[in-house]
Amino acid sequence: MASKPHAWVSLWFLVTAPIVMWDVGYCFMRPRSMVGGDLHWIWEPYGIYQEVDYVYGVKTFLSGDGFTNAQSMLNVVETFMNLVYVYLTHISSCPSAPVIGFAAAVMTLSKTVLYWAVEFFCGGCSVGHNTTFDLIVYWIIPNGFWLVVPSLIVLQLGKDISASLLAAEHQKKD
């Protein structure tokens, strides 16, 4: 039994793909993408963000901290899986599409929880220097979307997968 496609899930995956890939580009192109770099014009808003979140900043880059690019590498995998979900859902009508979407959303959610947990356990080592306003506007709200929406996707697709498994079990018994 194939689950019903959810337009909002596909819309999230499609809208976030270019945003995430833009972020990946910034991370992988550092230092050229940073303030003063010849490609910074492509990532102009990161001039603010690299000061708000030191994970994206000069000090972290110069220290050789691999977290930023490691999470960016996972962003590539997630985005690929998100787009595979959209393809399998809307083009090929593959019944396993919800499993791919669920796994991708779990990756996004887990990585975002990790990102927040690091900040909690290190006492705000990368964002604790901000004013309350800057922290809320530039870090909590934007990053909060990456907690809320993937959580909703995990719940929805998890429900769909469970319903499919229950239907298959009932069919097997008949």
N, C-alpha and C. Protein backbone atom coordinates (compact mmCIF):
# COMPACT_ATOMS: atom_id res chain seq x y z
N MET A 1 0.84 -1.18 0.00
CA MET A 1 0.00 0.00 0.00
C MET A 1 0.89 1.25 0.00
N ALA A 2 0.83 2.03 -1.04
CA ALA A 2 1.62 3.26 -1.12
C ALA A 2 0.93 4.34 -0.29
N SER A 3 1.74 5.12 0.44
CA SER A 3 1.15 6.19 1.23
C SER A 3 0.85 7.39 0.34
N LYS A 4 -0.07 8.20 0.80
CA LYS A 4 -0.47 9.40 0.07
C LYS A 4 0.68 10.42 0.11
N PRO A 5 1.00 11.00 -1.03
CA PRO A 5 2.06 12.03 -1.03
C PRO A 5 1.62 13.25 -0.20
N HIS A 6 2.55 13.84 0.46
CA HIS A 6 2.29 15.05 1.26
C HIS A 6 3.01 16.20 0.58
N ALA A 7 2.24 17.10 0.00
CA ALA A 7 2.81 18.23 -0.75
C ALA A 7 3.73 19.07 0.12
N TRP A 8 3.38 19.25 1.39
CA TRP A 8 4.20 20.10 2.26
C TRP A 8 5.58 19.49 2.51
N VAL A 9 5.65 18.16 2.57
CA VAL A 9 6.95 17.49 2.76
C VAL A 9 7.80 17.71 1.52
N SER A 10 7.22 17.47 0.36
CA SER A 10 7.96 17.67 -0.90
C SER A 10 8.36 19.13 -1.06
N LEU A 11 7.47 20.04 -0.70
CA LEU A 11 7.77 21.46 -0.81
C LEU A 11 8.96 21.82 0.09
N TRP A 12 8.97 21.33 1.32
CA TRP A 12 10.10 21.57 2.22
C TRP A 12 11.40 21.06 1.61
N PHE A 13 11.36 19.82 1.11
CA PHE A 13 12.56 19.23 0.52
C PHE A 13 13.03 20.02 -0.69
N LEU A 14 12.11 20.47 -1.52
CA LEU A 14 12.49 21.22 -2.73
C LEU A 14 12.98 22.63 -2.40
N VAL A 15 12.32 23.31 -1.47
CA VAL A 15 12.71 24.68 -1.12
C VAL A 15 14.05 24.70 -0.39
N THR A 16 14.26 23.70 0.46
CA THR A 16 15.50 23.71 1.24
C THR A 16 16.71 23.23 0.45
N ALA A 17 16.51 22.50 -0.62
CA ALA A 17 17.66 21.98 -1.39
C ALA A 17 18.62 23.09 -1.84
N PRO A 18 18.14 24.14 -2.51
CA PRO A 18 19.10 25.18 -2.91
C PRO A 18 19.67 25.96 -1.73
N ILE A 19 18.90 26.12 -0.66
CA ILE A 19 19.40 26.81 0.54
C ILE A 19 20.53 26.01 1.15
N VAL A 20 20.31 24.72 1.30
CA VAL A 20 21.33 23.85 1.90
C VAL A 20 22.57 23.80 1.02
N MET A 21 22.38 23.70 -0.29
CA MET A 21 23.54 23.62 -1.18
C MET A 21 24.32 24.94 -1.20
N TRP A 22 23.63 26.05 -1.02
CA TRP A 22 24.29 27.35 -0.90
C TRP A 22 25.17 27.35 0.36
N ASP A 23 24.63 26.81 1.45
CA ASP A 23 25.37 26.70 2.70
C ASP A 23 26.58 25.77 2.53
N VAL A 24 26.37 24.65 1.88
CA VAL A 24 27.46 23.71 1.61
C VAL A 24 28.56 24.42 0.82
N GLY A 25 28.16 25.18 -0.19
CA GLY A 25 29.14 25.92 -0.99
C GLY A 25 29.96 26.87 -0.14
N TYR A 26 29.29 27.59 0.76
CA TYR A 26 30.01 28.50 1.65
C TYR A 26 31.05 27.74 2.46
N CYS A 27 30.61 26.64 3.07
CA CYS A 27 31.51 25.87 3.94
C CYS A 27 32.68 25.28 3.17
N PHE A 28 32.40 24.65 2.04
CA PHE A 28 33.47 23.99 1.28
C PHE A 28 34.40 24.99 0.58
N MET A 29 33.94 26.19 0.35
CA MET A 29 34.76 27.19 -0.35
C MET A 29 35.52 28.12 0.61
N ARG A 30 35.37 27.91 1.93
CA ARG A 30 36.13 28.74 2.86
C ARG A 30 37.63 28.55 2.62
N PRO A 31 38.44 29.55 2.65
CA PRO A 31 38.23 30.93 3.06
C PRO A 31 37.77 31.86 1.93
N ARG A 32 37.71 31.33 0.72
CA ARG A 32 37.34 32.20 -0.41
C ARG A 32 35.93 32.75 -0.29
N SER A 33 35.04 32.03 0.41
CA SER A 33 33.66 32.46 0.57
C SER A 33 33.48 33.42 1.74
N MET A 34 34.47 33.55 2.57
CA MET A 34 34.38 34.38 3.77
C MET A 34 34.65 35.85 3.45
N VAL A 35 34.33 36.71 4.41
CA VAL A 35 34.60 38.14 4.25
C VAL A 35 36.07 38.31 3.86
N GLY A 36 36.31 39.07 2.80
CA GLY A 36 37.66 39.28 2.30
C GLY A 36 38.05 38.30 1.20
N GLY A 37 37.29 37.23 1.04
CA GLY A 37 37.59 36.26 0.00
C GLY A 37 37.04 36.71 -1.34
N ASP A 38 37.66 36.25 -2.41
CA ASP A 38 37.26 36.69 -3.75
C ASP A 38 35.87 36.21 -4.16
N LEU A 39 35.33 35.20 -3.48
CA LEU A 39 33.99 34.70 -3.81
C LEU A 39 32.95 35.10 -2.77
N HIS A 40 33.33 35.94 -1.83
CA HIS A 40 32.40 36.31 -0.75
C HIS A 40 31.10 36.93 -1.29
N TRP A 41 31.16 37.57 -2.42
CA TRP A 41 29.96 38.22 -2.98
C TRP A 41 28.82 37.22 -3.16
N ILE A 42 29.13 35.96 -3.39
CA ILE A 42 28.10 34.93 -3.56
C ILE A 42 27.41 34.65 -2.22
N TRP A 43 28.16 34.77 -1.15
CA TRP A 43 27.66 34.45 0.19
C TRP A 43 27.66 35.69 1.09
N GLU A 44 27.29 36.83 0.56
CA GLU A 44 27.32 38.10 1.29
C GLU A 44 26.67 38.01 2.69
N PRO A 45 25.48 37.41 2.84
CA PRO A 45 24.87 37.34 4.17
C PRO A 45 25.71 36.58 5.21
N TYR A 46 26.60 35.74 4.75
CA TYR A 46 27.45 35.01 5.68
C TYR A 46 28.46 35.92 6.36
N GLY A 47 28.61 37.14 5.86
CA GLY A 47 29.44 38.12 6.54
C GLY A 47 28.92 38.38 7.94
N ILE A 48 27.60 38.39 8.08
CA ILE A 48 26.97 38.53 9.39
C ILE A 48 27.05 37.19 10.13
N TYR A 49 26.67 36.13 9.44
CA TYR A 49 26.54 34.83 10.10
C TYR A 49 27.87 34.31 10.63
N GLN A 50 28.98 34.59 9.95
CA GLN A 50 30.26 34.10 10.45
C GLN A 50 30.66 34.81 11.75
N GLU A 51 30.04 35.95 12.03
CA GLU A 51 30.26 36.64 13.31
C GLU A 51 29.27 36.17 14.37
N VAL A 52 28.08 35.75 13.95
CA VAL A 52 27.05 35.25 14.87
C VAL A 52 27.40 33.85 15.35
N ASP A 53 27.80 32.98 14.42
CA ASP A 53 28.08 31.58 14.71
C ASP A 53 29.53 31.29 14.33
N TYR A 54 30.37 31.18 15.34
CA TYR A 54 31.79 30.97 15.09
C TYR A 54 32.10 29.66 14.38
N VAL A 55 31.15 28.71 14.37
CA VAL A 55 31.36 27.48 13.60
C VAL A 55 31.60 27.83 12.13
N TYR A 56 31.00 28.92 11.67
CA TYR A 56 31.15 29.39 10.30
C TYR A 56 32.25 30.45 10.18
N GLY A 57 32.90 30.78 11.27
CA GLY A 57 33.82 31.91 11.29
C GLY A 57 35.27 31.57 11.04
N VAL A 58 36.06 32.62 11.06
CA VAL A 58 37.48 32.56 10.74
C VAL A 58 38.25 31.70 11.74
N LYS A 59 38.03 31.93 13.03
CA LYS A 59 38.78 31.21 14.06
C LYS A 59 38.61 29.70 13.92
N THR A 60 37.38 29.26 13.73
CA THR A 60 37.12 27.82 13.59
C THR A 60 37.79 27.29 12.33
N PHE A 61 37.72 28.05 11.25
CA PHE A 61 38.37 27.63 10.01
C PHE A 61 39.88 27.51 10.21
N LEU A 62 40.48 28.55 10.79
CA LEU A 62 41.93 28.56 10.97
C LEU A 62 42.41 27.47 11.93
N SER A 63 41.56 27.08 12.87
CA SER A 63 41.95 26.05 13.84
C SER A 63 41.90 24.65 13.22
N GLY A 64 41.31 24.54 12.02
CA GLY A 64 41.22 23.24 11.36
C GLY A 64 40.09 22.38 11.88
N ASP A 65 39.16 22.98 12.61
CA ASP A 65 38.00 22.24 13.13
C ASP A 65 37.22 21.66 11.96
N GLY A 66 37.04 20.37 11.95
CA GLY A 66 36.38 19.69 10.83
C GLY A 66 34.88 19.60 10.91
N PHE A 67 34.27 20.04 12.02
CA PHE A 67 32.83 19.88 12.19
C PHE A 67 32.03 20.56 11.09
N THR A 68 32.41 21.78 10.74
CA THR A 68 31.64 22.54 9.75
C THR A 68 31.56 21.80 8.42
N ASN A 69 32.68 21.36 7.91
CA ASN A 69 32.65 20.65 6.63
C ASN A 69 32.09 19.24 6.76
N ALA A 70 32.26 18.61 7.92
CA ALA A 70 31.67 17.28 8.12
C ALA A 70 30.15 17.37 8.08
N GLN A 71 29.58 18.38 8.75
CA GLN A 71 28.14 18.52 8.70
C GLN A 71 27.68 18.94 7.30
N SER A 72 28.51 19.66 6.59
CA SER A 72 28.17 20.03 5.20
C SER A 72 28.17 18.81 4.29
N MET A 73 29.09 17.90 4.52
CA MET A 73 29.11 16.67 3.74
C MET A 73 27.81 15.89 3.98
N LEU A 74 27.36 15.84 5.23
CA LEU A 74 26.10 15.17 5.54
C LEU A 74 24.92 15.92 4.92
N ASN A 75 25.04 17.25 4.82
CA ASN A 75 23.98 18.03 4.16
C ASN A 75 23.82 17.60 2.70
N VAL A 76 24.93 17.29 2.05
CA VAL A 76 24.86 16.82 0.65
C VAL A 76 24.10 15.50 0.58
N VAL A 77 24.41 14.60 1.51
CA VAL A 77 23.72 13.30 1.54
C VAL A 77 22.23 13.50 1.81
N GLU A 78 21.90 14.30 2.80
CA GLU A 78 20.49 14.58 3.14
C GLU A 78 19.74 15.16 1.96
N THR A 79 20.35 16.15 1.33
CA THR A 79 19.69 16.82 0.20
C THR A 79 19.46 15.85 -0.95
N PHE A 80 20.43 15.02 -1.23
CA PHE A 80 20.26 13.99 -2.25
C PHE A 80 19.08 13.08 -1.89
N MET A 81 19.04 12.64 -0.65
CA MET A 81 17.94 11.77 -0.21
C MET A 81 16.60 12.50 -0.28
N ASN A 82 16.58 13.77 0.08
CA ASN A 82 15.34 14.55 -0.02
C ASN A 82 14.83 14.58 -1.46
N LEU A 83 15.73 14.82 -2.39
CA LEU A 83 15.34 14.89 -3.80
C LEU A 83 14.95 13.52 -4.35
N VAL A 84 15.60 12.47 -3.85
CA VAL A 84 15.20 11.11 -4.23
C VAL A 84 13.78 10.84 -3.73
N TYR A 85 13.48 11.27 -2.51
CA TYR A 85 12.11 11.13 -1.99
C TYR A 85 11.11 11.81 -2.92
N VAL A 86 11.39 13.04 -3.31
CA VAL A 86 10.48 13.78 -4.19
C VAL A 86 10.31 13.03 -5.51
N TYR A 87 11.39 12.56 -6.08
CA TYR A 87 11.32 11.81 -7.33
C TYR A 87 10.49 10.53 -7.14
N LEU A 88 10.82 9.76 -6.12
CA LEU A 88 10.11 8.50 -5.90
C LEU A 88 8.63 8.70 -5.58
N THR A 89 8.31 9.82 -4.94
CA THR A 89 6.93 10.11 -4.57
C THR A 89 6.12 10.60 -5.76
N HIS A 90 6.66 11.54 -6.51
CA HIS A 90 5.87 12.24 -7.53
C HIS A 90 6.12 11.77 -8.96
N ILE A 91 7.22 11.14 -9.23
CA ILE A 91 7.53 10.70 -10.59
C ILE A 91 7.33 9.20 -10.74
N SER A 92 7.92 8.42 -9.85
CA SER A 92 7.86 6.97 -10.03
C SER A 92 6.83 6.28 -9.13
N SER A 93 6.21 7.01 -8.23
CA SER A 93 5.21 6.45 -7.31
C SER A 93 5.71 5.18 -6.62
N CYS A 94 6.92 5.24 -6.13
CA CYS A 94 7.56 4.10 -5.46
C CYS A 94 7.06 3.99 -4.02
N PRO A 95 6.59 2.83 -3.61
CA PRO A 95 6.06 2.69 -2.25
C PRO A 95 7.12 2.84 -1.15
N SER A 96 8.39 2.74 -1.49
CA SER A 96 9.43 2.90 -0.46
C SER A 96 9.85 4.36 -0.26
N ALA A 97 9.25 5.28 -1.00
CA ALA A 97 9.60 6.70 -0.88
C ALA A 97 9.52 7.21 0.55
N PRO A 98 8.47 6.87 1.31
CA PRO A 98 8.42 7.39 2.69
C PRO A 98 9.61 6.96 3.56
N VAL A 99 10.17 5.79 3.29
CA VAL A 99 11.33 5.33 4.06
C VAL A 99 12.53 6.24 3.78
N ILE A 100 12.72 6.60 2.52
CA ILE A 100 13.83 7.50 2.15
C ILE A 100 13.61 8.87 2.78
N GLY A 101 12.40 9.41 2.66
CA GLY A 101 12.10 10.72 3.24
C GLY A 101 12.25 10.71 4.76
N PHE A 102 11.79 9.65 5.39
CA PHE A 102 11.90 9.50 6.84
C PHE A 102 13.37 9.49 7.25
N ALA A 103 14.17 8.69 6.57
CA ALA A 103 15.60 8.60 6.90
C ALA A 103 16.29 9.95 6.71
N ALA A 104 15.96 10.64 5.64
CA ALA A 104 16.56 11.96 5.39
C ALA A 104 16.17 12.95 6.48
N ALA A 105 14.90 12.95 6.85
CA ALA A 105 14.43 13.88 7.88
C ALA A 105 15.05 13.54 9.24
N VAL A 106 15.22 12.25 9.54
CA VAL A 106 15.88 11.86 10.78
C VAL A 106 17.33 12.35 10.77
N MET A 107 18.00 12.26 9.62
CA MET A 107 19.37 12.77 9.53
C MET A 107 19.41 14.27 9.82
N THR A 108 18.52 15.01 9.18
CA THR A 108 18.49 16.46 9.38
C THR A 108 18.22 16.79 10.84
N LEU A 109 17.21 16.14 11.40
CA LEU A 109 16.84 16.40 12.79
C LEU A 109 17.98 16.02 13.74
N SER A 110 18.57 14.86 13.55
CA SER A 110 19.65 14.41 14.43
C SER A 110 20.85 15.35 14.37
N LYS A 111 21.20 15.77 13.17
CA LYS A 111 22.35 16.66 13.01
C LYS A 111 22.06 18.02 13.64
N THR A 112 20.84 18.49 13.52
CA THR A 112 20.48 19.78 14.10
C THR A 112 20.46 19.69 15.63
N VAL A 113 19.93 18.60 16.17
CA VAL A 113 19.95 18.40 17.62
C VAL A 113 21.41 18.36 18.10
N LEU A 114 22.26 17.67 17.37
CA LEU A 114 23.68 17.63 17.71
C LEU A 114 24.28 19.03 17.74
N TYR A 115 23.97 19.81 16.72
CA TYR A 115 24.48 21.17 16.61
C TYR A 115 24.08 21.99 17.84
N TRP A 116 22.80 21.89 18.24
CA TRP A 116 22.31 22.62 19.41
C TRP A 116 22.92 22.04 20.69
N ALA A 117 23.06 20.72 20.76
CA ALA A 117 23.60 20.08 21.96
C ALA A 117 25.05 20.49 22.18
N VAL A 118 25.81 20.60 21.12
CA VAL A 118 27.20 21.05 21.25
C VAL A 118 27.22 22.43 21.90
N GLU A 119 26.37 23.32 21.43
CA GLU A 119 26.30 24.67 22.01
C GLU A 119 25.90 24.63 23.48
N PHE A 120 24.97 23.76 23.82
CA PHE A 120 24.54 23.63 25.21
C PHE A 120 25.68 23.13 26.08
N PHE A 121 26.33 22.05 25.65
CA PHE A 121 27.35 21.41 26.48
C PHE A 121 28.67 22.17 26.52
N CYS A 122 28.90 23.05 25.56
CA CYS A 122 30.13 23.84 25.62
C CYS A 122 29.86 25.24 26.17
N GLY A 123 28.65 25.46 26.65
CA GLY A 123 28.32 26.75 27.25
C GLY A 123 28.22 27.88 26.24
N GLY A 124 27.75 27.56 25.04
CA GLY A 124 27.59 28.59 24.01
C GLY A 124 28.91 29.04 23.41
N CYS A 125 29.83 28.10 23.25
CA CYS A 125 31.18 28.44 22.79
C CYS A 125 31.22 29.08 21.40
N SER A 126 30.23 28.81 20.57
CA SER A 126 30.22 29.39 19.23
C SER A 126 29.20 30.50 19.04
N VAL A 127 28.18 30.55 19.90
CA VAL A 127 27.14 31.57 19.74
C VAL A 127 26.85 32.36 21.01
N GLY A 128 27.48 32.00 22.11
CA GLY A 128 27.20 32.64 23.39
C GLY A 128 27.62 34.09 23.50
N HIS A 129 28.41 34.56 22.59
CA HIS A 129 28.89 35.94 22.60
C HIS A 129 27.86 36.93 22.07
N ASN A 130 26.77 36.45 21.48
CA ASN A 130 25.77 37.31 20.85
C ASN A 130 24.86 37.98 21.88
N THR A 131 24.28 39.12 21.46
CA THR A 131 23.21 39.71 22.27
C THR A 131 22.00 38.78 22.17
N THR A 132 21.08 38.91 23.10
CA THR A 132 19.88 38.07 23.07
C THR A 132 19.14 38.26 21.75
N PHE A 133 19.02 39.50 21.30
CA PHE A 133 18.33 39.79 20.04
C PHE A 133 19.01 39.08 18.87
N ASP A 134 20.32 39.25 18.74
CA ASP A 134 21.05 38.62 17.64
C ASP A 134 20.96 37.10 17.70
N LEU A 135 21.05 36.55 18.91
CA LEU A 135 20.96 35.10 19.07
C LEU A 135 19.60 34.60 18.59
N ILE A 136 18.55 35.29 18.98
CA ILE A 136 17.20 34.87 18.58
C ILE A 136 16.99 35.03 17.09
N VAL A 137 17.32 36.21 16.56
CA VAL A 137 17.04 36.52 15.16
C VAL A 137 17.94 35.76 14.19
N TYR A 138 19.21 35.66 14.50
CA TYR A 138 20.16 35.09 13.55
C TYR A 138 20.51 33.62 13.78
N TRP A 139 20.17 33.08 14.95
CA TRP A 139 20.56 31.69 15.21
C TRP A 139 19.37 30.82 15.63
N ILE A 140 18.65 31.23 16.66
CA ILE A 140 17.56 30.38 17.18
C ILE A 140 16.43 30.23 16.17
N ILE A 141 15.92 31.32 15.64
CA ILE A 141 14.80 31.23 14.70
C ILE A 141 15.20 30.48 13.42
N PRO A 142 16.26 30.90 12.74
CA PRO A 142 16.61 30.16 11.51
C PRO A 142 16.91 28.68 11.76
N ASN A 143 17.68 28.39 12.80
CA ASN A 143 18.01 27.00 13.08
C ASN A 143 16.83 26.24 13.68
N GLY A 144 15.91 26.96 14.30
CA GLY A 144 14.72 26.32 14.85
C GLY A 144 13.86 25.66 13.78
N PHE A 145 13.80 26.26 12.61
CA PHE A 145 13.05 25.65 11.50
C PHE A 145 13.57 24.25 11.19
N TRP A 146 14.90 24.06 11.36
CA TRP A 146 15.53 22.77 11.06
C TRP A 146 15.29 21.75 12.16
N LEU A 147 14.71 22.19 13.27
CA LEU A 147 14.24 21.27 14.31
C LEU A 147 12.76 20.95 14.12
N VAL A 148 11.97 21.99 13.92
CA VAL A 148 10.52 21.85 13.88
C VAL A 148 10.04 21.10 12.64
N VAL A 149 10.41 21.55 11.47
CA VAL A 149 9.88 20.94 10.24
C VAL A 149 10.35 19.50 10.07
N PRO A 150 11.63 19.20 10.22
CA PRO A 150 12.02 17.78 10.13
C PRO A 150 11.32 16.91 11.19
N SER A 151 11.07 17.45 12.38
CA SER A 151 10.32 16.68 13.39
C SER A 151 8.92 16.35 12.89
N LEU A 152 8.27 17.32 12.28
CA LEU A 152 6.93 17.08 11.74
C LEU A 152 6.97 16.07 10.59
N ILE A 153 8.01 16.14 9.77
CA ILE A 153 8.16 15.18 8.67
C ILE A 153 8.38 13.78 9.22
N VAL A 154 9.24 13.65 10.22
CA VAL A 154 9.49 12.35 10.85
C VAL A 154 8.18 11.77 11.39
N LEU A 155 7.39 12.61 12.06
CA LEU A 155 6.11 12.14 12.60
C LEU A 155 5.16 11.71 11.49
N GLN A 156 5.04 12.54 10.44
CA GLN A 156 4.11 12.22 9.36
C GLN A 156 4.53 10.97 8.59
N LEU A 157 5.77 10.93 8.17
CA LEU A 157 6.22 9.77 7.39
C LEU A 157 6.31 8.52 8.25
N GLY A 158 6.65 8.68 9.53
CA GLY A 158 6.63 7.54 10.44
C GLY A 158 5.23 6.96 10.58
N LYS A 159 4.25 7.84 10.67
CA LYS A 159 2.84 7.42 10.72
C LYS A 159 2.45 6.70 9.43
N ASP A 160 2.87 7.24 8.30
CA ASP A 160 2.57 6.61 7.00
C ASP A 160 3.22 5.23 6.88
N ILE A 161 4.46 5.13 7.30
CA ILE A 161 5.18 3.84 7.24
C ILE A 161 4.48 2.83 8.15
N SER A 162 4.12 3.26 9.35
CA SER A 162 3.42 2.36 10.29
C SER A 162 2.10 1.89 9.71
N ALA A 163 1.36 2.81 9.10
CA ALA A 163 0.07 2.44 8.50
C ALA A 163 0.27 1.43 7.38
N SER A 164 1.30 1.61 6.57
CA SER A 164 1.60 0.66 5.49
C SER A 164 1.97 -0.70 6.04
N LEU A 165 2.75 -0.72 7.10
CA LEU A 165 3.14 -1.99 7.71
C LEU A 165 1.94 -2.71 8.32
N LEU A 166 1.08 -1.95 8.96
CA LEU A 166 -0.15 -2.54 9.53
C LEU A 166 -1.05 -3.10 8.43
N ALA A 167 -1.21 -2.35 7.35
CA ALA A 167 -2.03 -2.81 6.23
C ALA A 167 -1.45 -4.08 5.62
N ALA A 168 -0.14 -4.12 5.49
CA ALA A 168 0.51 -5.31 4.93
C ALA A 168 0.31 -6.52 5.86
N GLU A 169 0.39 -6.27 7.15
CA GLU A 169 0.21 -7.35 8.13
C GLU A 169 -1.22 -7.87 8.07
N HIS A 170 -2.20 -6.96 7.98
CA HIS A 170 -3.61 -7.39 7.87
C HIS A 170 -3.86 -8.16 6.59
N GLN A 171 -3.25 -7.70 5.51
CA GLN A 171 -3.41 -8.38 4.22
C GLN A 171 -2.80 -9.77 4.26
N LYS A 172 -1.69 -9.90 4.96
CA LYS A 172 -1.01 -11.17 5.09
C LYS A 172 -1.86 -12.18 5.87
N LYS A 173 -2.61 -11.68 6.85
CA LYS A 173 -3.45 -12.54 7.66
C LYS A 173 -4.70 -13.00 6.93
N ASP A 174 -5.13 -12.23 5.93
CA ASP A 174 -6.36 -12.56 5.20
C ASP A 174 -6.18 -13.65 4.21
